[in-house]
Amino acid sequence: MATKKEIVNEDNFEELLLKSANEALKYTRGERGLKSHFATKIAEPPSYSKAKIKKIRASLGLSQTVFASIFGVTVSAVQHWEQGLRSMPAPACRLLNMIEKDPETVMNLISKSKAS
């Protein structure tokens, strides 16, 4: 039994639903066996206010310079986020959400490992 993981989004929902319905019809007619499909709906990344961004950074004890390096942006970008002059882009919001939920794991993953 083959398994396949597909990401469901607004662009492909109808296509995947129709595909599933056709597979069910073929199964009821005895034209095919069953397959397992796992669909995952990906949530939109949250948006962060300037105060929340600054609060998370401060709670981690990170300077704007270190925070910027985590996101691969300039210090001025972080300053703009924290001053509300620019919105944080979606990929940065996704990473900040992961940091907010599990800072220790994320920081361990992104930190340079020591040479053995």
Protein backbone atom coordinates (compact mmCIF):
# COMPACT_ATOMS: atom_id res chain seq x y z
CA MET A 1 0.00 0.00 0.00
CA ALA A 2 1.69 3.21 -1.14
CA THR A 3 1.47 6.34 0.92
CA LYS A 4 1.91 9.85 -0.35
CA LYS A 5 1.86 13.14 1.49
CA GLU A 6 0.36 16.06 -0.38
CA ILE A 7 0.01 19.62 0.77
CA VAL A 8 -3.51 20.95 0.34
CA ASN A 9 -3.92 24.62 -0.41
CA GLU A 10 -6.48 26.87 -2.08
CA ASP A 11 -4.93 26.28 -5.49
CA ASN A 12 -5.11 22.47 -5.48
CA PHE A 13 -8.00 21.64 -3.13
CA GLU A 14 -10.57 21.04 -5.88
CA GLU A 15 -8.12 18.99 -7.94
CA LEU A 16 -7.24 16.73 -4.99
CA LEU A 17 -10.90 16.35 -4.00
CA LEU A 18 -11.85 15.32 -7.54
CA LYS A 19 -8.89 12.93 -7.70
CA SER A 20 -10.00 11.29 -4.45
CA ALA A 21 -13.59 10.97 -5.64
CA ASN A 22 -12.45 9.32 -8.89
CA GLU A 23 -10.26 6.88 -6.96
CA ALA A 24 -13.20 5.98 -4.70
CA LEU A 25 -15.40 5.39 -7.74
CA LYS A 26 -12.78 3.11 -9.35
CA TYR A 27 -12.46 1.21 -6.07
CA THR A 28 -16.23 0.63 -5.82
CA ARG A 29 -16.21 -0.66 -9.41
CA GLY A 30 -13.37 -3.04 -8.54
CA GLU A 31 -11.01 -1.30 -10.97
CA ARG A 32 -8.33 -0.55 -8.37
CA GLY A 33 -7.19 -1.26 -4.84
CA LEU A 34 -7.01 1.24 -2.05
CA LYS A 35 -4.13 3.65 -1.52
CA SER A 36 -3.45 5.78 1.51
CA HIS A 37 -3.14 9.52 1.08
CA PHE A 38 -2.31 11.97 3.77
CA ALA A 39 -3.24 15.58 3.23
CA THR A 40 -1.87 18.36 5.34
CA LYS A 41 -3.35 21.84 5.48
CA ILE A 42 -0.59 24.32 6.13
CA ALA A 43 -1.65 27.19 8.35
CA GLU A 44 -0.75 30.71 7.36
CA PRO A 45 2.12 32.08 9.43
CA PRO A 46 0.96 34.45 12.16
CA SER A 47 1.63 38.14 11.88
CA TYR A 48 3.50 39.94 14.62
CA SER A 49 3.08 43.43 15.97
CA LYS A 50 6.12 45.61 16.54
CA ALA A 51 5.71 45.21 20.31
CA LYS A 52 5.47 41.41 20.08
CA ILE A 53 8.61 41.16 17.92
CA LYS A 54 10.57 43.28 20.37
CA LYS A 55 9.16 41.35 23.36
CA ILE A 56 10.16 37.97 21.91
CA ARG A 57 13.65 39.22 21.03
CA ALA A 58 14.10 40.69 24.51
CA SER A 59 12.80 37.56 26.22
CA LEU A 60 15.47 35.56 24.41
CA GLY A 61 18.11 38.03 25.52
CA LEU A 62 19.19 38.72 21.94
CA SER A 63 20.59 41.93 20.53
CA GLN A 64 19.14 43.28 17.30
CA THR A 65 22.37 42.22 15.60
CA VAL A 66 22.08 38.58 16.68
CA PHE A 67 18.34 38.58 15.98
CA ALA A 68 19.03 39.90 12.47
CA SER A 69 21.59 37.16 11.84
CA ILE A 70 19.06 34.49 12.82
CA PHE A 71 16.67 35.78 10.15
CA GLY A 72 19.37 36.53 7.58
CA VAL A 73 18.43 40.21 7.42
CA THR A 74 20.10 43.50 8.25
CA VAL A 75 19.91 45.18 11.64
CA SER A 76 17.96 47.99 10.01
CA ALA A 77 15.30 45.46 8.91
CA VAL A 78 14.88 44.36 12.53
CA GLN A 79 14.72 47.99 13.61
CA HIS A 80 12.03 48.66 11.01
CA TRP A 81 10.01 45.65 12.23
CA GLU A 82 10.28 46.80 15.83
CA GLN A 83 9.35 50.38 14.94
CA GLY A 84 6.40 49.26 12.82
CA LEU A 85 7.86 50.82 9.68
CA ARG A 86 7.82 47.46 7.86
CA SER A 87 5.88 44.26 8.31
CA MET A 88 7.81 41.12 8.95
CA PRO A 89 7.71 38.92 5.79
CA ALA A 90 5.84 35.61 5.98
CA PRO A 91 8.96 33.35 6.07
CA ALA A 92 10.36 35.41 8.96
CA CYS A 93 7.00 35.20 10.75
CA ARG A 94 7.04 31.42 10.32
CA LEU A 95 10.54 31.20 11.85
CA LEU A 96 9.63 33.59 14.67
CA ASN A 97 6.58 31.46 15.41
CA MET A 98 8.78 28.36 15.71
CA ILE A 99 11.22 30.26 17.92
CA GLU A 100 8.35 31.47 20.09
CA LYS A 101 6.97 27.94 20.51
CA ASP A 102 10.27 26.14 21.11
CA PRO A 103 13.21 28.55 21.38
CA GLU A 104 15.67 26.00 22.75
CA THR A 105 15.22 23.54 19.90
CA VAL A 106 15.33 26.20 17.19
CA MET A 107 18.39 27.88 18.68
CA ASN A 108 20.15 24.51 18.91
CA LEU A 109 19.32 23.82 15.26
CA ILE A 110 20.61 27.13 13.98
CA SER A 111 23.67 27.50 16.21
CA LYS A 112 27.09 26.57 14.91
CA SER A 113 28.09 23.20 16.26
CA LYS A 114 31.49 22.81 17.83
CA ALA A 115 34.09 20.84 15.90
CA SER A 116 34.92 17.49 17.43
